[in-house]
């Protein structure tokens, strides 16, 4: 995983030679290179590092400064229809929840943290696998950091939204992340509708 919390490697390889487009189109608020994203209040775009969009979240009453990142992490498997119903329930686009969770565990081990819980949810009409993790606070008095990793499949791609903030200030950031995921629509999906 990259330093900003987003997975650094694709979890599965595409079966053919198609490139992965990370173009995002949402109601216009922020844009970069033709990509447009609706950002929750207080979120501002940071750098795009190796295809990972980063965001700064401004501190507000009840919430310390927070960070988020968003990226395509895998292409859905073309064989998902052949999977058993149990395998389909425990995966996103052919990528097992265990593999997604293991990716987060690896990140937390390297950061000296741990995974707290995981759960399946529905956000904005999409299945979401969420992994909640924590890293210890710094010795300078900062509190523990809570990390939320949201994985969802949209139009044959597995996306990851990762957020982290000081412990105790997680509720607003989780609500913002859910708003972001519920309004997310890739560029090609919009182009097909027009």
N, C-alpha and C. Protein backbone atom coordinates (compact mmCIF):
# COMPACT_ATOMS: atom_id res chain seq x y z
N UNK A 1 0.83 -1.18 0.00
CA UNK A 1 0.00 0.00 0.00
C UNK A 1 0.87 1.24 0.00
N UNK A 2 0.34 2.29 -0.57
CA UNK A 2 1.05 3.56 -0.61
C UNK A 2 1.01 4.21 0.76
N UNK A 3 1.87 5.18 1.00
CA UNK A 3 1.93 5.85 2.30
C UNK A 3 0.63 6.53 2.67
N UNK A 4 -0.16 6.93 1.68
CA UNK A 4 -1.41 7.65 1.96
C UNK A 4 -2.55 6.72 2.33
N UNK A 5 -2.29 5.41 2.42
CA UNK A 5 -3.30 4.48 2.86
C UNK A 5 -4.01 3.75 1.76
N UNK A 6 -3.85 4.16 0.53
CA UNK A 6 -4.51 3.46 -0.57
C UNK A 6 -3.68 2.27 -0.97
N UNK A 7 -4.31 1.19 -1.35
CA UNK A 7 -3.54 0.04 -1.82
C UNK A 7 -2.65 0.46 -2.98
N UNK A 8 -1.40 0.00 -2.98
CA UNK A 8 -0.46 0.44 -3.99
C UNK A 8 -0.43 -0.48 -5.20
N UNK A 9 -0.96 -1.66 -5.09
CA UNK A 9 -0.90 -2.60 -6.20
C UNK A 9 -2.29 -3.08 -6.56
N UNK A 10 -2.46 -3.40 -7.81
CA UNK A 10 -3.72 -3.99 -8.26
C UNK A 10 -3.82 -5.38 -7.67
N UNK A 11 -4.98 -5.73 -7.13
CA UNK A 11 -5.15 -7.02 -6.48
C UNK A 11 -5.33 -8.16 -7.47
N UNK A 12 -5.81 -7.87 -8.66
CA UNK A 12 -5.94 -8.91 -9.67
C UNK A 12 -5.55 -8.31 -11.00
N UNK A 13 -5.15 -9.16 -11.92
CA UNK A 13 -4.72 -8.68 -13.22
C UNK A 13 -5.86 -8.80 -14.21
N UNK A 14 -6.01 -7.82 -15.11
CA UNK A 14 -7.07 -7.91 -16.09
C UNK A 14 -6.79 -9.08 -17.03
N UNK A 15 -7.88 -9.67 -17.55
CA UNK A 15 -7.72 -10.83 -18.41
C UNK A 15 -7.33 -10.43 -19.83
N UNK A 16 -7.46 -9.18 -20.17
CA UNK A 16 -7.03 -8.73 -21.48
C UNK A 16 -6.28 -7.42 -21.35
N UNK A 17 -5.98 -6.80 -22.44
CA UNK A 17 -5.08 -5.65 -22.45
C UNK A 17 -5.81 -4.32 -22.37
N UNK A 18 -6.89 -4.22 -21.62
CA UNK A 18 -7.62 -2.96 -21.48
C UNK A 18 -6.97 -2.11 -20.41
N UNK A 19 -6.91 -0.82 -20.67
CA UNK A 19 -6.37 0.07 -19.64
C UNK A 19 -7.47 0.40 -18.65
N UNK A 20 -7.09 0.73 -17.44
CA UNK A 20 -8.04 1.07 -16.39
C UNK A 20 -8.19 2.58 -16.36
N UNK A 21 -9.40 3.06 -16.64
CA UNK A 21 -9.66 4.49 -16.60
C UNK A 21 -10.13 4.86 -15.20
N UNK A 22 -9.52 5.86 -14.62
CA UNK A 22 -9.94 6.30 -13.30
C UNK A 22 -10.69 7.63 -13.38
N UNK A 23 -11.20 7.96 -14.57
CA UNK A 23 -11.91 9.22 -14.74
C UNK A 23 -13.18 9.21 -13.89
N UNK A 24 -13.38 10.25 -13.14
CA UNK A 24 -14.51 10.36 -12.23
C UNK A 24 -15.38 11.52 -12.67
N UNK A 25 -16.69 11.31 -12.70
CA UNK A 25 -17.59 12.42 -13.02
C UNK A 25 -18.70 12.46 -12.00
N UNK A 26 -18.77 13.55 -11.31
CA UNK A 26 -19.82 13.82 -10.34
C UNK A 26 -20.22 15.28 -10.53
N UNK A 27 -21.26 15.75 -9.88
CA UNK A 27 -21.59 17.17 -10.01
C UNK A 27 -20.35 18.01 -9.77
N UNK A 28 -20.17 19.03 -10.59
CA UNK A 28 -18.92 19.80 -10.58
C UNK A 28 -18.70 20.53 -9.26
N UNK A 29 -17.57 20.24 -8.67
CA UNK A 29 -17.10 20.97 -7.51
C UNK A 29 -15.60 21.09 -7.61
N UNK A 30 -14.91 19.99 -7.85
CA UNK A 30 -13.45 20.01 -7.99
C UNK A 30 -13.09 19.22 -9.23
N UNK A 31 -12.05 19.63 -9.92
CA UNK A 31 -11.66 18.88 -11.11
C UNK A 31 -10.15 18.87 -11.27
N UNK A 32 -9.68 17.86 -11.98
CA UNK A 32 -8.27 17.74 -12.30
C UNK A 32 -8.20 17.00 -13.63
N UNK A 33 -7.61 17.63 -14.63
CA UNK A 33 -7.41 16.97 -15.91
C UNK A 33 -8.68 16.41 -16.52
N UNK A 34 -9.79 17.13 -16.38
CA UNK A 34 -11.04 16.65 -16.96
C UNK A 34 -11.85 15.77 -16.03
N UNK A 35 -11.26 15.29 -14.93
CA UNK A 35 -12.01 14.50 -13.96
C UNK A 35 -12.72 15.46 -13.01
N UNK A 36 -13.96 15.17 -12.72
CA UNK A 36 -14.76 16.04 -11.86
C UNK A 36 -15.32 15.22 -10.71
N UNK A 37 -15.21 15.74 -9.48
CA UNK A 37 -15.68 15.02 -8.31
C UNK A 37 -16.48 15.92 -7.39
N UNK A 38 -17.56 15.41 -6.87
CA UNK A 38 -18.33 16.08 -5.83
C UNK A 38 -17.64 15.75 -4.51
N UNK A 39 -17.20 16.76 -3.81
CA UNK A 39 -16.51 16.54 -2.56
C UNK A 39 -17.37 17.00 -1.39
N UNK A 40 -17.38 16.23 -0.32
CA UNK A 40 -18.11 16.67 0.87
C UNK A 40 -17.52 17.98 1.39
N UNK A 41 -18.31 18.71 2.17
CA UNK A 41 -17.85 19.98 2.75
C UNK A 41 -16.56 19.76 3.52
N UNK A 42 -15.59 20.64 3.28
CA UNK A 42 -14.33 20.58 3.98
C UNK A 42 -13.26 19.73 3.31
N UNK A 43 -13.63 19.00 2.25
CA UNK A 43 -12.65 18.18 1.54
C UNK A 43 -12.04 19.02 0.42
N UNK A 44 -10.73 18.92 0.26
CA UNK A 44 -10.08 19.58 -0.87
C UNK A 44 -9.09 18.59 -1.49
N UNK A 45 -8.95 18.73 -2.82
CA UNK A 45 -8.08 17.80 -3.54
C UNK A 45 -6.63 18.07 -3.19
N UNK A 46 -5.91 17.00 -2.99
CA UNK A 46 -4.46 17.06 -2.80
C UNK A 46 -3.80 16.58 -4.08
N UNK A 47 -2.67 15.97 -3.94
CA UNK A 47 -1.93 15.48 -5.10
C UNK A 47 -2.53 14.17 -5.61
N UNK A 48 -2.32 13.93 -6.90
CA UNK A 48 -2.62 12.63 -7.49
C UNK A 48 -1.28 11.90 -7.55
N UNK A 49 -1.16 10.83 -6.78
CA UNK A 49 0.09 10.10 -6.68
C UNK A 49 -0.10 8.70 -7.27
N UNK A 50 0.51 8.47 -8.44
CA UNK A 50 0.41 7.17 -9.11
C UNK A 50 -1.03 6.72 -9.29
N UNK A 51 -1.90 7.63 -9.70
CA UNK A 51 -3.30 7.28 -9.94
C UNK A 51 -4.19 7.28 -8.71
N UNK A 52 -3.64 7.65 -7.57
CA UNK A 52 -4.41 7.70 -6.32
C UNK A 52 -4.72 9.16 -6.03
N UNK A 53 -6.00 9.51 -6.01
CA UNK A 53 -6.42 10.87 -5.65
C UNK A 53 -6.35 11.00 -4.14
N UNK A 54 -5.72 12.07 -3.66
CA UNK A 54 -5.65 12.31 -2.23
C UNK A 54 -6.45 13.55 -1.88
N UNK A 55 -6.96 13.58 -0.66
CA UNK A 55 -7.80 14.68 -0.19
C UNK A 55 -7.39 15.07 1.22
N UNK A 56 -7.42 16.36 1.50
CA UNK A 56 -7.26 16.90 2.84
C UNK A 56 -8.67 17.22 3.34
N UNK A 57 -8.94 16.93 4.59
CA UNK A 57 -10.23 17.24 5.18
C UNK A 57 -9.98 18.24 6.28
N UNK A 58 -10.53 19.44 6.11
CA UNK A 58 -10.30 20.55 7.02
C UNK A 58 -10.88 20.26 8.40
N UNK A 59 -10.14 20.60 9.45
CA UNK A 59 -10.67 20.41 10.80
C UNK A 59 -11.92 21.27 11.02
N UNK A 60 -12.87 20.73 11.72
CA UNK A 60 -14.08 21.46 12.12
C UNK A 60 -14.35 21.13 13.58
N UNK A 61 -15.37 21.77 14.13
CA UNK A 61 -15.74 21.48 15.51
C UNK A 61 -16.02 19.99 15.64
N UNK A 62 -15.35 19.34 16.54
CA UNK A 62 -15.57 17.92 16.77
C UNK A 62 -14.76 17.00 15.87
N UNK A 63 -13.96 17.56 14.95
CA UNK A 63 -13.16 16.69 14.10
C UNK A 63 -11.80 17.32 13.83
N UNK A 64 -10.76 16.53 14.04
CA UNK A 64 -9.41 16.98 13.74
C UNK A 64 -9.18 16.90 12.24
N UNK A 65 -8.02 17.40 11.78
CA UNK A 65 -7.67 17.26 10.36
C UNK A 65 -7.68 15.79 9.99
N UNK A 66 -8.21 15.49 8.82
CA UNK A 66 -8.30 14.11 8.36
C UNK A 66 -7.78 14.02 6.93
N UNK A 67 -7.61 12.81 6.46
CA UNK A 67 -7.10 12.56 5.12
C UNK A 67 -7.92 11.46 4.47
N UNK A 68 -7.99 11.50 3.14
CA UNK A 68 -8.68 10.47 2.39
C UNK A 68 -7.93 10.22 1.09
N UNK A 69 -8.11 9.05 0.52
CA UNK A 69 -7.55 8.73 -0.78
C UNK A 69 -8.53 7.83 -1.51
N UNK A 70 -8.47 7.88 -2.85
CA UNK A 70 -9.43 7.15 -3.67
C UNK A 70 -8.72 6.62 -4.90
N UNK A 71 -8.92 5.33 -5.22
CA UNK A 71 -8.22 4.74 -6.35
C UNK A 71 -8.94 3.50 -6.86
N UNK A 72 -8.66 3.16 -8.11
CA UNK A 72 -9.04 1.86 -8.65
C UNK A 72 -7.97 0.89 -8.17
N UNK A 73 -8.37 -0.22 -7.55
CA UNK A 73 -7.39 -1.17 -7.06
C UNK A 73 -7.40 -2.50 -7.79
N UNK A 74 -8.45 -2.77 -8.59
CA UNK A 74 -8.52 -4.04 -9.32
C UNK A 74 -9.61 -3.98 -10.36
N UNK A 75 -9.51 -4.87 -11.32
CA UNK A 75 -10.58 -5.08 -12.27
C UNK A 75 -11.37 -6.29 -11.80
N UNK A 76 -12.68 -6.24 -11.98
CA UNK A 76 -13.51 -7.37 -11.59
C UNK A 76 -13.18 -8.56 -12.48
N UNK A 77 -13.26 -9.73 -11.92
CA UNK A 77 -13.00 -10.95 -12.67
C UNK A 77 -14.12 -11.20 -13.66
N UNK A 78 -13.77 -11.69 -14.83
CA UNK A 78 -14.77 -12.00 -15.85
C UNK A 78 -15.55 -13.26 -15.49
N UNK A 79 -15.08 -14.03 -14.51
CA UNK A 79 -15.71 -15.32 -14.15
C UNK A 79 -16.59 -15.23 -12.91
N UNK A 80 -17.07 -14.06 -12.54
CA UNK A 80 -17.86 -13.94 -11.31
C UNK A 80 -19.19 -14.68 -11.41
N UNK A 81 -19.74 -14.85 -12.61
CA UNK A 81 -21.00 -15.57 -12.75
C UNK A 81 -20.84 -17.06 -12.48
N UNK A 82 -19.62 -17.59 -12.60
CA UNK A 82 -19.37 -19.00 -12.37
C UNK A 82 -19.10 -19.31 -10.90
N UNK A 83 -18.95 -18.30 -10.08
CA UNK A 83 -18.67 -18.51 -8.66
C UNK A 83 -19.92 -19.00 -7.94
N UNK A 84 -19.72 -19.79 -6.88
CA UNK A 84 -20.86 -20.26 -6.09
C UNK A 84 -21.50 -19.07 -5.40
N UNK A 85 -22.72 -19.25 -4.92
CA UNK A 85 -23.41 -18.14 -4.26
C UNK A 85 -22.66 -17.72 -3.00
N UNK A 86 -22.02 -18.66 -2.32
CA UNK A 86 -21.23 -18.31 -1.12
C UNK A 86 -20.03 -17.45 -1.52
N UNK A 87 -19.34 -17.84 -2.60
CA UNK A 87 -18.20 -17.06 -3.07
C UNK A 87 -18.64 -15.66 -3.49
N UNK A 88 -19.80 -15.56 -4.14
CA UNK A 88 -20.31 -14.25 -4.56
C UNK A 88 -20.65 -13.38 -3.36
N UNK A 89 -21.21 -13.98 -2.30
CA UNK A 89 -21.56 -13.22 -1.09
C UNK A 89 -20.32 -12.70 -0.37
N UNK A 90 -19.20 -13.41 -0.52
CA UNK A 90 -17.98 -13.07 0.21
C UNK A 90 -16.91 -12.46 -0.68
N UNK A 91 -17.36 -11.76 -1.73
CA UNK A 91 -16.39 -11.13 -2.63
C UNK A 91 -17.01 -9.93 -3.33
N UNK A 92 -16.16 -9.13 -3.92
CA UNK A 92 -16.56 -8.02 -4.79
C UNK A 92 -15.89 -8.25 -6.14
N UNK A 93 -16.67 -8.44 -7.16
CA UNK A 93 -16.11 -8.60 -8.50
C UNK A 93 -15.10 -9.71 -8.62
N UNK A 94 -15.30 -10.79 -7.86
CA UNK A 94 -14.38 -11.92 -7.90
C UNK A 94 -13.19 -11.79 -6.98
N UNK A 95 -13.02 -10.66 -6.29
CA UNK A 95 -11.94 -10.47 -5.33
C UNK A 95 -12.51 -10.78 -3.94
N UNK A 96 -11.95 -11.78 -3.29
CA UNK A 96 -12.52 -12.20 -2.00
C UNK A 96 -12.32 -11.13 -0.93
N UNK A 97 -13.26 -11.10 0.00
CA UNK A 97 -13.14 -10.19 1.13
C UNK A 97 -11.86 -10.50 1.92
N UNK A 98 -11.50 -11.78 2.00
CA UNK A 98 -10.27 -12.17 2.71
C UNK A 98 -9.05 -11.51 2.08
N UNK A 99 -8.99 -11.45 0.73
CA UNK A 99 -7.86 -10.80 0.06
C UNK A 99 -7.85 -9.29 0.32
N UNK A 100 -9.03 -8.67 0.29
CA UNK A 100 -9.11 -7.24 0.56
C UNK A 100 -8.69 -6.95 2.00
N UNK A 101 -9.18 -7.78 2.93
CA UNK A 101 -8.83 -7.61 4.34
C UNK A 101 -7.33 -7.83 4.55
N UNK A 102 -6.76 -8.83 3.89
CA UNK A 102 -5.33 -9.12 4.03
C UNK A 102 -4.49 -7.92 3.55
N UNK A 103 -4.95 -7.25 2.50
CA UNK A 103 -4.26 -6.07 2.01
C UNK A 103 -4.21 -4.99 3.09
N UNK A 104 -5.32 -4.80 3.79
CA UNK A 104 -5.38 -3.82 4.89
C UNK A 104 -4.50 -4.27 6.05
N UNK A 105 -4.54 -5.56 6.37
CA UNK A 105 -3.70 -6.08 7.46
C UNK A 105 -2.23 -5.80 7.18
N UNK A 106 -1.80 -6.03 5.94
CA UNK A 106 -0.40 -5.76 5.57
C UNK A 106 -0.06 -4.29 5.79
N UNK A 107 -0.96 -3.40 5.41
CA UNK A 107 -0.75 -1.96 5.61
C UNK A 107 -0.63 -1.65 7.10
N UNK A 108 -1.51 -2.23 7.89
CA UNK A 108 -1.50 -1.94 9.32
C UNK A 108 -0.26 -2.51 10.00
N UNK A 109 0.19 -3.67 9.59
CA UNK A 109 1.41 -4.25 10.17
C UNK A 109 2.59 -3.31 9.92
N UNK A 110 2.70 -2.80 8.68
CA UNK A 110 3.82 -1.91 8.37
C UNK A 110 3.72 -0.58 9.12
N UNK A 111 2.51 -0.18 9.52
CA UNK A 111 2.31 1.07 10.25
C UNK A 111 2.26 0.85 11.77
N UNK A 112 2.44 -0.40 12.21
CA UNK A 112 2.37 -0.70 13.63
C UNK A 112 0.96 -0.70 14.18
N UNK A 113 -0.02 -0.88 13.30
CA UNK A 113 -1.43 -0.86 13.70
C UNK A 113 -2.07 -2.23 13.63
N UNK A 114 -3.40 -2.24 13.65
CA UNK A 114 -4.15 -3.48 13.68
C UNK A 114 -5.52 -3.27 13.07
N UNK A 115 -6.16 -4.36 12.64
CA UNK A 115 -7.52 -4.32 12.12
C UNK A 115 -8.47 -4.53 13.29
N UNK A 116 -9.50 -3.69 13.36
CA UNK A 116 -10.48 -3.75 14.44
C UNK A 116 -11.68 -4.59 14.05
N UNK A 117 -12.18 -4.39 12.82
CA UNK A 117 -13.41 -5.08 12.40
C UNK A 117 -13.56 -4.95 10.90
N UNK A 118 -14.45 -5.74 10.33
CA UNK A 118 -14.85 -5.56 8.94
C UNK A 118 -16.33 -5.89 8.83
N UNK A 119 -16.94 -5.36 7.77
CA UNK A 119 -18.38 -5.59 7.59
C UNK A 119 -18.77 -5.34 6.14
N UNK A 120 -19.87 -5.98 5.75
CA UNK A 120 -20.46 -5.76 4.43
C UNK A 120 -21.61 -4.78 4.60
N UNK A 121 -21.72 -3.86 3.63
CA UNK A 121 -22.77 -2.85 3.71
C UNK A 121 -23.28 -2.55 2.32
N UNK A 122 -24.33 -1.76 2.26
CA UNK A 122 -24.78 -1.20 0.99
C UNK A 122 -24.78 0.32 1.15
N UNK A 123 -24.09 1.00 0.22
CA UNK A 123 -24.01 2.46 0.24
C UNK A 123 -24.30 2.94 -1.17
N UNK A 124 -25.29 3.79 -1.32
CA UNK A 124 -25.62 4.33 -2.63
C UNK A 124 -25.99 3.27 -3.65
N UNK A 125 -26.59 2.18 -3.20
CA UNK A 125 -26.99 1.11 -4.11
C UNK A 125 -25.87 0.17 -4.51
N UNK A 126 -24.69 0.32 -3.90
CA UNK A 126 -23.55 -0.54 -4.21
C UNK A 126 -23.15 -1.34 -2.98
N UNK A 127 -22.77 -2.60 -3.21
CA UNK A 127 -22.21 -3.40 -2.12
C UNK A 127 -20.85 -2.82 -1.75
N UNK A 128 -20.61 -2.71 -0.46
CA UNK A 128 -19.36 -2.15 0.05
C UNK A 128 -18.82 -3.10 1.11
N UNK A 129 -17.52 -3.37 1.02
CA UNK A 129 -16.82 -4.11 2.07
C UNK A 129 -15.97 -3.08 2.80
N UNK A 130 -16.20 -2.93 4.10
CA UNK A 130 -15.50 -1.92 4.90
C UNK A 130 -14.60 -2.62 5.92
N UNK A 131 -13.37 -2.17 6.00
CA UNK A 131 -12.43 -2.67 7.00
C UNK A 131 -12.05 -1.48 7.88
N UNK A 132 -12.20 -1.65 9.19
CA UNK A 132 -11.89 -0.60 10.15
C UNK A 132 -10.60 -1.00 10.86
N UNK A 133 -9.64 -0.08 10.90
CA UNK A 133 -8.34 -0.37 11.49
C UNK A 133 -7.90 0.80 12.36
N UNK A 134 -6.79 0.62 13.05
CA UNK A 134 -6.31 1.65 13.95
C UNK A 134 -4.78 1.61 13.99
N UNK A 135 -4.18 2.79 14.09
CA UNK A 135 -2.75 2.89 14.33
C UNK A 135 -2.54 3.68 15.62
N UNK A 136 -1.47 3.37 16.35
CA UNK A 136 -1.26 4.06 17.63
C UNK A 136 -0.89 5.52 17.43
N UNK A 137 -1.22 6.32 18.43
CA UNK A 137 -0.88 7.73 18.41
C UNK A 137 0.62 7.94 18.57
N UNK A 138 1.05 9.10 18.19
CA UNK A 138 2.47 9.45 18.32
C UNK A 138 2.80 9.73 19.78
N UNK A 139 4.06 9.69 20.10
CA UNK A 139 4.49 9.94 21.48
C UNK A 139 4.31 11.40 21.87
N UNK A 140 4.03 12.28 20.88
CA UNK A 140 3.88 13.71 21.18
C UNK A 140 2.47 14.06 21.65
N UNK A 141 1.70 13.07 22.06
CA UNK A 141 0.39 13.32 22.62
C UNK A 141 -0.77 13.19 21.65
N UNK A 142 -0.48 12.96 20.37
CA UNK A 142 -1.58 12.77 19.42
C UNK A 142 -2.26 11.44 19.71
N UNK A 143 -3.58 11.42 19.50
CA UNK A 143 -4.33 10.20 19.81
C UNK A 143 -4.22 9.20 18.65
N UNK A 144 -4.72 8.01 18.90
CA UNK A 144 -4.72 6.95 17.89
C UNK A 144 -5.43 7.43 16.63
N UNK A 145 -5.05 6.88 15.49
CA UNK A 145 -5.70 7.17 14.21
C UNK A 145 -6.64 6.02 13.87
N UNK A 146 -7.86 6.34 13.45
CA UNK A 146 -8.82 5.34 12.98
C UNK A 146 -8.84 5.40 11.46
N UNK A 147 -8.68 4.25 10.83
CA UNK A 147 -8.65 4.12 9.37
C UNK A 147 -9.89 3.35 8.93
N UNK A 148 -10.58 3.86 7.92
CA UNK A 148 -11.69 3.14 7.30
C UNK A 148 -11.33 2.90 5.84
N UNK A 149 -11.36 1.64 5.43
CA UNK A 149 -11.08 1.24 4.06
C UNK A 149 -12.40 0.76 3.48
N UNK A 150 -12.91 1.46 2.47
CA UNK A 150 -14.15 1.08 1.81
C UNK A 150 -13.80 0.53 0.42
N UNK A 151 -14.27 -0.67 0.11
CA UNK A 151 -14.06 -1.26 -1.21
C UNK A 151 -15.42 -1.47 -1.85
N UNK A 152 -15.56 -1.08 -3.11
CA UNK A 152 -16.81 -1.29 -3.82
C UNK A 152 -16.54 -1.55 -5.29
N UNK A 153 -17.46 -2.26 -5.94
CA UNK A 153 -17.33 -2.52 -7.37
C UNK A 153 -18.33 -1.65 -8.12
N UNK A 154 -17.84 -0.93 -9.12
CA UNK A 154 -18.70 -0.13 -9.99
C UNK A 154 -18.20 -0.32 -11.41
N UNK A 155 -19.09 -0.75 -12.28
CA UNK A 155 -18.78 -0.92 -13.70
C UNK A 155 -17.53 -1.77 -13.95
N UNK A 156 -17.41 -2.87 -13.23
CA UNK A 156 -16.31 -3.80 -13.48
C UNK A 156 -14.98 -3.42 -12.88
N UNK A 157 -14.96 -2.43 -12.00
CA UNK A 157 -13.73 -2.03 -11.34
C UNK A 157 -13.94 -2.03 -9.82
N UNK A 158 -12.90 -2.40 -9.10
CA UNK A 158 -12.94 -2.35 -7.64
C UNK A 158 -12.26 -1.04 -7.22
N UNK A 159 -13.00 -0.20 -6.51
CA UNK A 159 -12.49 1.08 -6.04
C UNK A 159 -12.25 0.99 -4.53
N UNK A 160 -11.27 1.77 -4.07
CA UNK A 160 -10.99 1.86 -2.65
C UNK A 160 -11.02 3.32 -2.23
N UNK A 161 -11.79 3.60 -1.19
CA UNK A 161 -11.77 4.91 -0.53
C UNK A 161 -11.22 4.66 0.87
N UNK A 162 -10.14 5.34 1.20
CA UNK A 162 -9.50 5.17 2.51
C UNK A 162 -9.54 6.50 3.24
N UNK A 163 -9.99 6.48 4.48
CA UNK A 163 -10.00 7.69 5.30
C UNK A 163 -9.26 7.41 6.60
N UNK A 164 -8.66 8.46 7.17
CA UNK A 164 -8.10 8.30 8.52
C UNK A 164 -8.12 9.63 9.25
N UNK A 165 -8.41 9.52 10.55
CA UNK A 165 -8.56 10.68 11.42
C UNK A 165 -8.27 10.24 12.85
N UNK A 166 -8.01 11.21 13.73
CA UNK A 166 -7.78 10.88 15.13
C UNK A 166 -9.00 10.19 15.72
N UNK A 167 -8.73 9.24 16.59
CA UNK A 167 -9.80 8.51 17.27
C UNK A 167 -10.71 9.49 18.01
N UNK A 168 -12.00 9.24 17.97
CA UNK A 168 -12.96 10.12 18.62
C UNK A 168 -13.57 11.12 17.66
N UNK A 169 -13.03 11.25 16.46
CA UNK A 169 -13.56 12.21 15.49
C UNK A 169 -13.98 11.49 14.20
N UNK A 170 -14.42 10.26 14.33
CA UNK A 170 -14.64 9.43 13.15
C UNK A 170 -16.04 9.51 12.54
N UNK A 171 -17.04 9.87 13.32
CA UNK A 171 -18.42 9.80 12.83
C UNK A 171 -18.66 10.72 11.63
N UNK A 172 -18.24 11.98 11.71
CA UNK A 172 -18.46 12.90 10.59
C UNK A 172 -17.70 12.44 9.36
N UNK A 173 -16.47 12.01 9.53
CA UNK A 173 -15.68 11.55 8.39
C UNK A 173 -16.32 10.33 7.74
N UNK A 174 -16.84 9.41 8.54
CA UNK A 174 -17.54 8.24 7.99
C UNK A 174 -18.78 8.68 7.21
N UNK A 175 -19.53 9.65 7.73
CA UNK A 175 -20.70 10.15 7.00
C UNK A 175 -20.29 10.79 5.67
N UNK A 176 -19.20 11.58 5.69
CA UNK A 176 -18.70 12.19 4.46
C UNK A 176 -18.27 11.13 3.45
N UNK A 177 -17.58 10.11 3.92
CA UNK A 177 -17.12 9.04 3.02
C UNK A 177 -18.31 8.32 2.38
N UNK A 178 -19.35 8.09 3.14
CA UNK A 178 -20.54 7.43 2.61
C UNK A 178 -21.23 8.32 1.57
N UNK A 179 -21.27 9.63 1.80
CA UNK A 179 -21.84 10.55 0.80
C UNK A 179 -21.03 10.51 -0.48
N UNK A 180 -19.70 10.52 -0.35
CA UNK A 180 -18.82 10.46 -1.51
C UNK A 180 -19.09 9.18 -2.31
N UNK A 181 -19.14 8.05 -1.63
CA UNK A 181 -19.38 6.77 -2.31
C UNK A 181 -20.77 6.69 -2.93
N UNK A 182 -21.76 7.25 -2.27
CA UNK A 182 -23.13 7.14 -2.79
C UNK A 182 -23.36 8.00 -4.02
N UNK A 183 -22.52 9.03 -4.24
CA UNK A 183 -22.68 9.88 -5.41
C UNK A 183 -21.67 9.60 -6.50
N UNK A 184 -20.72 8.71 -6.24
CA UNK A 184 -19.66 8.43 -7.20
C UNK A 184 -20.21 7.76 -8.46
N UNK A 185 -19.77 8.26 -9.60
CA UNK A 185 -20.15 7.69 -10.89
C UNK A 185 -18.99 7.88 -11.86
N UNK A 186 -18.41 6.78 -12.38
CA UNK A 186 -17.29 6.93 -13.31
C UNK A 186 -17.69 7.65 -14.59
N UNK A 187 -16.73 8.28 -15.23
CA UNK A 187 -16.93 9.04 -16.45
C UNK A 187 -17.63 8.23 -17.52
N UNK A 188 -17.19 6.98 -17.77
CA UNK A 188 -17.78 6.21 -18.86
C UNK A 188 -19.24 5.86 -18.61
N UNK A 189 -19.65 5.73 -17.35
CA UNK A 189 -21.05 5.47 -17.06
C UNK A 189 -21.90 6.66 -17.45
N UNK A 190 -21.42 7.87 -17.19
CA UNK A 190 -22.16 9.08 -17.59
C UNK A 190 -22.20 9.20 -19.11
N UNK A 191 -21.11 8.90 -19.77
CA UNK A 191 -21.06 9.01 -21.22
C UNK A 191 -22.08 8.06 -21.88
N UNK A 192 -22.28 6.89 -21.32
CA UNK A 192 -23.25 5.94 -21.87
C UNK A 192 -24.68 6.42 -21.72
N UNK A 193 -24.95 7.18 -20.63
CA UNK A 193 -26.31 7.68 -20.40
C UNK A 193 -26.65 8.83 -21.33
N UNK A 194 -25.66 9.59 -21.78
CA UNK A 194 -25.91 10.78 -22.61
C UNK A 194 -26.08 10.43 -24.07
